[in-house]
Amino acid sequence: MSQLINQQHYFEFAGELDAETLTMLRDLFLQENGEYCDRIADLTKLGALKEIGAIMHSLKSSAATFGCSTLAERSADLEMRAKADDESILGEMDDFLQLARATFDAFANLPAAA
């Protein structure tokens, strides 16, 4: 879990919010990004690089906010390559989705505060 999530970053961020706001943001993060993963799987079958790039941009930003550093870095790489029409990323999506889902599982198991 520690390599998927920068816990220091997460707890610093969490410490700046009240419990209700943090809970709402955590729930939204998990819901939206779970939906993004489902959409990425569909878009991969279609070879829709532009749309994959747009989703990677959103994933990158939200993952970085919550300290999901590995996912943010991987999303940034795939975003850049998708926007450059690098079709080779389509073969990497299964591995990416496994990383994303493992990250979301680890994130969901973090306590709301230190």
N, C-alpha and C. Protein backbone atom coordinates (compact mmCIF):
# COMPACT_ATOMS: atom_id res chain seq x y z
N MET A 1 0.82 -1.19 0.00
CA MET A 1 0.00 0.00 0.00
C MET A 1 0.86 1.25 0.00
N SER A 2 1.97 1.24 0.71
CA SER A 2 2.78 2.44 0.83
C SER A 2 3.35 2.90 -0.51
N GLN A 3 3.64 1.96 -1.42
CA GLN A 3 4.16 2.38 -2.71
C GLN A 3 3.05 2.91 -3.61
N LEU A 4 1.82 2.57 -3.37
CA LEU A 4 0.72 3.08 -4.16
C LEU A 4 0.26 4.46 -3.70
N ILE A 5 0.37 4.71 -2.40
CA ILE A 5 -0.14 5.96 -1.83
C ILE A 5 0.93 6.59 -0.95
N ASN A 6 1.18 7.86 -1.20
CA ASN A 6 2.07 8.64 -0.35
C ASN A 6 1.23 9.04 0.87
N GLN A 7 1.35 8.26 1.92
CA GLN A 7 0.49 8.47 3.08
C GLN A 7 0.75 9.79 3.78
N GLN A 8 1.99 10.25 3.77
CA GLN A 8 2.28 11.54 4.38
C GLN A 8 1.51 12.65 3.66
N HIS A 9 1.55 12.62 2.34
CA HIS A 9 0.80 13.60 1.55
C HIS A 9 -0.69 13.51 1.84
N TYR A 10 -1.21 12.28 1.84
CA TYR A 10 -2.64 12.08 2.10
C TYR A 10 -3.04 12.64 3.46
N PHE A 11 -2.29 12.31 4.50
CA PHE A 11 -2.68 12.75 5.83
C PHE A 11 -2.50 14.25 6.02
N GLU A 12 -1.54 14.85 5.35
CA GLU A 12 -1.42 16.31 5.37
C GLU A 12 -2.64 16.95 4.72
N PHE A 13 -3.03 16.42 3.57
CA PHE A 13 -4.22 16.92 2.88
C PHE A 13 -5.46 16.71 3.75
N ALA A 14 -5.61 15.52 4.29
CA ALA A 14 -6.78 15.18 5.11
C ALA A 14 -6.85 16.08 6.34
N GLY A 15 -5.70 16.43 6.89
CA GLY A 15 -5.66 17.26 8.09
C GLY A 15 -6.14 18.68 7.86
N GLU A 16 -6.21 19.10 6.61
CA GLU A 16 -6.67 20.44 6.27
C GLU A 16 -8.18 20.52 6.12
N LEU A 17 -8.87 19.39 6.20
CA LEU A 17 -10.31 19.34 5.96
C LEU A 17 -11.06 18.85 7.18
N ASP A 18 -12.32 19.27 7.29
CA ASP A 18 -13.15 18.70 8.34
C ASP A 18 -13.58 17.31 7.90
N ALA A 19 -14.01 16.51 8.85
CA ALA A 19 -14.32 15.09 8.59
C ALA A 19 -15.40 14.93 7.52
N GLU A 20 -16.42 15.76 7.55
CA GLU A 20 -17.51 15.63 6.58
C GLU A 20 -17.03 15.91 5.16
N THR A 21 -16.24 16.96 4.99
CA THR A 21 -15.72 17.30 3.67
C THR A 21 -14.78 16.21 3.16
N LEU A 22 -13.92 15.72 4.04
CA LEU A 22 -12.99 14.66 3.64
C LEU A 22 -13.75 13.41 3.20
N THR A 23 -14.75 13.02 3.94
CA THR A 23 -15.54 11.85 3.59
C THR A 23 -16.21 12.03 2.24
N MET A 24 -16.77 13.22 2.01
CA MET A 24 -17.42 13.49 0.73
C MET A 24 -16.42 13.42 -0.42
N LEU A 25 -15.24 14.02 -0.23
CA LEU A 25 -14.22 14.01 -1.28
C LEU A 25 -13.67 12.61 -1.54
N ARG A 26 -13.46 11.85 -0.48
CA ARG A 26 -12.99 10.46 -0.64
C ARG A 26 -14.00 9.63 -1.43
N ASP A 27 -15.27 9.76 -1.06
CA ASP A 27 -16.32 9.01 -1.75
C ASP A 27 -16.40 9.41 -3.23
N LEU A 28 -16.31 10.70 -3.49
CA LEU A 28 -16.35 11.20 -4.86
C LEU A 28 -15.15 10.71 -5.66
N PHE A 29 -13.97 10.74 -5.05
CA PHE A 29 -12.76 10.26 -5.69
C PHE A 29 -12.91 8.80 -6.12
N LEU A 30 -13.39 7.97 -5.21
CA LEU A 30 -13.54 6.54 -5.51
C LEU A 30 -14.62 6.29 -6.57
N GLN A 31 -15.73 7.00 -6.46
CA GLN A 31 -16.82 6.80 -7.41
C GLN A 31 -16.41 7.26 -8.82
N GLU A 32 -15.93 8.49 -8.93
CA GLU A 32 -15.58 9.02 -10.25
C GLU A 32 -14.48 8.21 -10.91
N ASN A 33 -13.47 7.87 -10.15
CA ASN A 33 -12.35 7.16 -10.75
C ASN A 33 -12.69 5.71 -11.08
N GLY A 34 -13.58 5.12 -10.33
CA GLY A 34 -14.08 3.80 -10.70
C GLY A 34 -14.82 3.86 -12.04
N GLU A 35 -15.60 4.92 -12.21
CA GLU A 35 -16.31 5.12 -13.48
C GLU A 35 -15.32 5.38 -14.62
N TYR A 36 -14.26 6.14 -14.33
CA TYR A 36 -13.23 6.38 -15.34
C TYR A 36 -12.61 5.06 -15.80
N CYS A 37 -12.35 4.17 -14.87
CA CYS A 37 -11.75 2.88 -15.23
C CYS A 37 -12.67 2.08 -16.14
N ASP A 38 -13.95 2.08 -15.82
CA ASP A 38 -14.90 1.39 -16.70
C ASP A 38 -14.90 2.02 -18.09
N ARG A 39 -14.85 3.33 -18.14
CA ARG A 39 -14.86 4.04 -19.43
C ARG A 39 -13.57 3.77 -20.21
N ILE A 40 -12.44 3.74 -19.51
CA ILE A 40 -11.17 3.45 -20.18
C ILE A 40 -11.20 2.08 -20.83
N ALA A 41 -11.76 1.10 -20.13
CA ALA A 41 -11.85 -0.25 -20.68
C ALA A 41 -12.66 -0.24 -21.98
N ASP A 42 -13.78 0.49 -21.98
CA ASP A 42 -14.60 0.58 -23.19
C ASP A 42 -13.87 1.32 -24.31
N LEU A 43 -13.23 2.44 -23.97
CA LEU A 43 -12.53 3.25 -24.98
C LEU A 43 -11.33 2.51 -25.57
N THR A 44 -10.71 1.67 -24.78
CA THR A 44 -9.57 0.90 -25.26
C THR A 44 -10.01 -0.02 -26.39
N LYS A 45 -11.15 -0.65 -26.23
CA LYS A 45 -11.68 -1.53 -27.27
C LYS A 45 -11.93 -0.78 -28.57
N LEU A 46 -12.26 0.52 -28.43
CA LEU A 46 -12.55 1.34 -29.60
C LEU A 46 -11.29 2.02 -30.17
N GLY A 47 -10.19 1.96 -29.41
CA GLY A 47 -8.97 2.64 -29.84
C GLY A 47 -9.09 4.15 -29.79
N ALA A 48 -9.89 4.66 -28.87
CA ALA A 48 -10.20 6.09 -28.78
C ALA A 48 -9.15 6.82 -27.95
N LEU A 49 -8.01 7.10 -28.58
CA LEU A 49 -6.88 7.69 -27.86
C LEU A 49 -7.17 9.08 -27.30
N LYS A 50 -7.84 9.92 -28.05
CA LYS A 50 -8.12 11.27 -27.59
C LYS A 50 -8.95 11.24 -26.30
N GLU A 51 -9.97 10.41 -26.28
CA GLU A 51 -10.82 10.29 -25.10
C GLU A 51 -10.07 9.67 -23.93
N ILE A 52 -9.24 8.69 -24.20
CA ILE A 52 -8.42 8.09 -23.15
C ILE A 52 -7.49 9.15 -22.56
N GLY A 53 -6.90 9.96 -23.40
CA GLY A 53 -6.03 11.04 -22.93
C GLY A 53 -6.75 12.02 -22.01
N ALA A 54 -7.98 12.35 -22.36
CA ALA A 54 -8.76 13.28 -21.52
C ALA A 54 -9.06 12.67 -20.16
N ILE A 55 -9.40 11.39 -20.13
CA ILE A 55 -9.66 10.74 -18.85
C ILE A 55 -8.38 10.63 -18.03
N MET A 56 -7.27 10.31 -18.68
CA MET A 56 -5.99 10.22 -17.97
C MET A 56 -5.64 11.56 -17.33
N HIS A 57 -5.97 12.65 -18.00
CA HIS A 57 -5.72 13.98 -17.44
C HIS A 57 -6.48 14.16 -16.12
N SER A 58 -7.74 13.78 -16.12
CA SER A 58 -8.55 13.90 -14.91
C SER A 58 -8.06 12.96 -13.81
N LEU A 59 -7.75 11.73 -14.19
CA LEU A 59 -7.23 10.76 -13.22
C LEU A 59 -5.92 11.24 -12.60
N LYS A 60 -5.05 11.77 -13.44
CA LYS A 60 -3.75 12.26 -12.98
C LYS A 60 -3.94 13.30 -11.89
N SER A 61 -4.80 14.25 -12.14
CA SER A 61 -5.01 15.35 -11.20
C SER A 61 -5.62 14.89 -9.88
N SER A 62 -6.66 14.09 -9.96
CA SER A 62 -7.30 13.66 -8.71
C SER A 62 -6.40 12.70 -7.93
N ALA A 63 -5.68 11.83 -8.62
CA ALA A 63 -4.77 10.92 -7.93
C ALA A 63 -3.67 11.69 -7.20
N ALA A 64 -3.13 12.70 -7.85
CA ALA A 64 -2.07 13.51 -7.23
C ALA A 64 -2.59 14.24 -5.99
N THR A 65 -3.81 14.74 -6.05
CA THR A 65 -4.40 15.46 -4.92
C THR A 65 -4.44 14.59 -3.67
N PHE A 66 -4.77 13.32 -3.84
CA PHE A 66 -4.91 12.43 -2.70
C PHE A 66 -3.66 11.62 -2.38
N GLY A 67 -2.56 11.91 -3.04
CA GLY A 67 -1.30 11.23 -2.72
C GLY A 67 -1.14 9.88 -3.39
N CYS A 68 -1.94 9.60 -4.40
CA CYS A 68 -1.81 8.33 -5.14
C CYS A 68 -0.76 8.55 -6.23
N SER A 69 0.48 8.67 -5.78
CA SER A 69 1.58 9.13 -6.63
C SER A 69 1.86 8.22 -7.82
N THR A 70 1.89 6.92 -7.60
CA THR A 70 2.19 5.99 -8.69
C THR A 70 1.13 6.09 -9.78
N LEU A 71 -0.13 6.14 -9.38
CA LEU A 71 -1.22 6.25 -10.34
C LEU A 71 -1.16 7.59 -11.07
N ALA A 72 -0.85 8.66 -10.36
CA ALA A 72 -0.75 9.98 -10.98
C ALA A 72 0.36 10.01 -12.03
N GLU A 73 1.52 9.43 -11.69
CA GLU A 73 2.65 9.41 -12.63
C GLU A 73 2.33 8.57 -13.86
N ARG A 74 1.72 7.42 -13.64
CA ARG A 74 1.38 6.54 -14.78
C ARG A 74 0.32 7.19 -15.66
N SER A 75 -0.65 7.84 -15.04
CA SER A 75 -1.70 8.54 -15.79
C SER A 75 -1.10 9.67 -16.62
N ALA A 76 -0.15 10.40 -16.05
CA ALA A 76 0.50 11.50 -16.78
C ALA A 76 1.23 10.97 -18.02
N ASP A 77 1.94 9.87 -17.85
CA ASP A 77 2.65 9.27 -18.98
C ASP A 77 1.68 8.84 -20.07
N LEU A 78 0.62 8.15 -19.68
CA LEU A 78 -0.34 7.66 -20.66
C LEU A 78 -1.12 8.81 -21.31
N GLU A 79 -1.40 9.85 -20.54
CA GLU A 79 -2.06 11.04 -21.11
C GLU A 79 -1.22 11.64 -22.23
N MET A 80 0.05 11.85 -21.95
CA MET A 80 0.95 12.45 -22.93
C MET A 80 1.04 11.58 -24.19
N ARG A 81 1.17 10.30 -23.99
CA ARG A 81 1.30 9.39 -25.13
C ARG A 81 0.00 9.26 -25.92
N ALA A 82 -1.14 9.29 -25.23
CA ALA A 82 -2.43 9.23 -25.92
C ALA A 82 -2.63 10.48 -26.77
N LYS A 83 -2.24 11.62 -26.23
CA LYS A 83 -2.39 12.87 -26.97
C LYS A 83 -1.44 12.94 -28.17
N ALA A 84 -0.39 12.12 -28.13
CA ALA A 84 0.55 12.04 -29.26
C ALA A 84 0.16 10.91 -30.22
N ASP A 85 -1.03 10.36 -30.04
CA ASP A 85 -1.55 9.28 -30.89
C ASP A 85 -0.67 8.03 -30.87
N ASP A 86 -0.11 7.73 -29.71
CA ASP A 86 0.72 6.54 -29.54
C ASP A 86 -0.19 5.34 -29.26
N GLU A 87 -0.50 4.59 -30.29
CA GLU A 87 -1.42 3.46 -30.16
C GLU A 87 -0.88 2.33 -29.29
N SER A 88 0.39 2.34 -29.01
CA SER A 88 0.96 1.26 -28.18
C SER A 88 0.39 1.27 -26.76
N ILE A 89 -0.16 2.40 -26.33
CA ILE A 89 -0.73 2.44 -24.98
C ILE A 89 -1.93 1.53 -24.84
N LEU A 90 -2.59 1.24 -25.94
CA LEU A 90 -3.78 0.38 -25.87
C LEU A 90 -3.44 -0.99 -25.29
N GLY A 91 -2.24 -1.47 -25.56
CA GLY A 91 -1.79 -2.75 -25.02
C GLY A 91 -1.39 -2.69 -23.56
N GLU A 92 -1.32 -1.49 -23.01
CA GLU A 92 -0.93 -1.29 -21.61
C GLU A 92 -2.11 -1.05 -20.69
N MET A 93 -3.29 -0.97 -21.25
CA MET A 93 -4.45 -0.58 -20.45
C MET A 93 -4.84 -1.61 -19.40
N ASP A 94 -4.71 -2.91 -19.68
CA ASP A 94 -5.05 -3.90 -18.66
C ASP A 94 -4.17 -3.73 -17.42
N ASP A 95 -2.86 -3.55 -17.64
CA ASP A 95 -1.96 -3.33 -16.51
C ASP A 95 -2.30 -2.04 -15.78
N PHE A 96 -2.61 -1.00 -16.54
CA PHE A 96 -2.97 0.27 -15.92
C PHE A 96 -4.22 0.12 -15.07
N LEU A 97 -5.22 -0.55 -15.59
CA LEU A 97 -6.47 -0.71 -14.84
C LEU A 97 -6.26 -1.55 -13.58
N GLN A 98 -5.37 -2.52 -13.63
CA GLN A 98 -5.03 -3.28 -12.41
C GLN A 98 -4.39 -2.36 -11.37
N LEU A 99 -3.47 -1.51 -11.82
CA LEU A 99 -2.84 -0.54 -10.92
C LEU A 99 -3.88 0.39 -10.33
N ALA A 100 -4.76 0.90 -11.16
CA ALA A 100 -5.79 1.83 -10.69
C ALA A 100 -6.68 1.17 -9.65
N ARG A 101 -7.14 -0.01 -9.93
CA ARG A 101 -8.05 -0.67 -8.98
C ARG A 101 -7.34 -1.04 -7.68
N ALA A 102 -6.08 -1.44 -7.76
CA ALA A 102 -5.31 -1.72 -6.54
C ALA A 102 -5.12 -0.44 -5.72
N THR A 103 -4.89 0.66 -6.42
CA THR A 103 -4.74 1.95 -5.73
C THR A 103 -6.03 2.35 -5.04
N PHE A 104 -7.16 2.19 -5.73
CA PHE A 104 -8.44 2.56 -5.13
C PHE A 104 -8.77 1.68 -3.94
N ASP A 105 -8.43 0.39 -4.01
CA ASP A 105 -8.63 -0.50 -2.87
C ASP A 105 -7.80 -0.06 -1.68
N ALA A 106 -6.52 0.25 -1.93
CA ALA A 106 -5.63 0.71 -0.85
C ALA A 106 -6.13 2.02 -0.27
N PHE A 107 -6.57 2.92 -1.15
CA PHE A 107 -7.08 4.23 -0.71
C PHE A 107 -8.33 4.05 0.16
N ALA A 108 -9.23 3.19 -0.27
CA ALA A 108 -10.48 2.97 0.48
C ALA A 108 -10.21 2.44 1.88
N ASN A 109 -9.08 1.77 2.07
CA ASN A 109 -8.74 1.20 3.37
C ASN A 109 -7.96 2.15 4.27
N LEU A 110 -7.61 3.33 3.75
CA LEU A 110 -6.93 4.32 4.60
C LEU A 110 -7.92 4.89 5.61
N PRO A 111 -7.47 5.17 6.82
CA PRO A 111 -8.37 5.85 7.77
C PRO A 111 -8.60 7.28 7.32
N ALA A 112 -9.70 7.85 7.73
CA ALA A 112 -10.03 9.21 7.33
C ALA A 112 -9.07 10.24 7.92
N ALA A 113 -8.41 9.89 9.03
CA ALA A 113 -7.45 10.81 9.65
C ALA A 113 -6.36 9.99 10.30
N ALA A 114 -5.21 10.65 10.51
CA ALA A 114 -4.06 9.96 11.13
C ALA A 114 -4.31 9.62 12.57
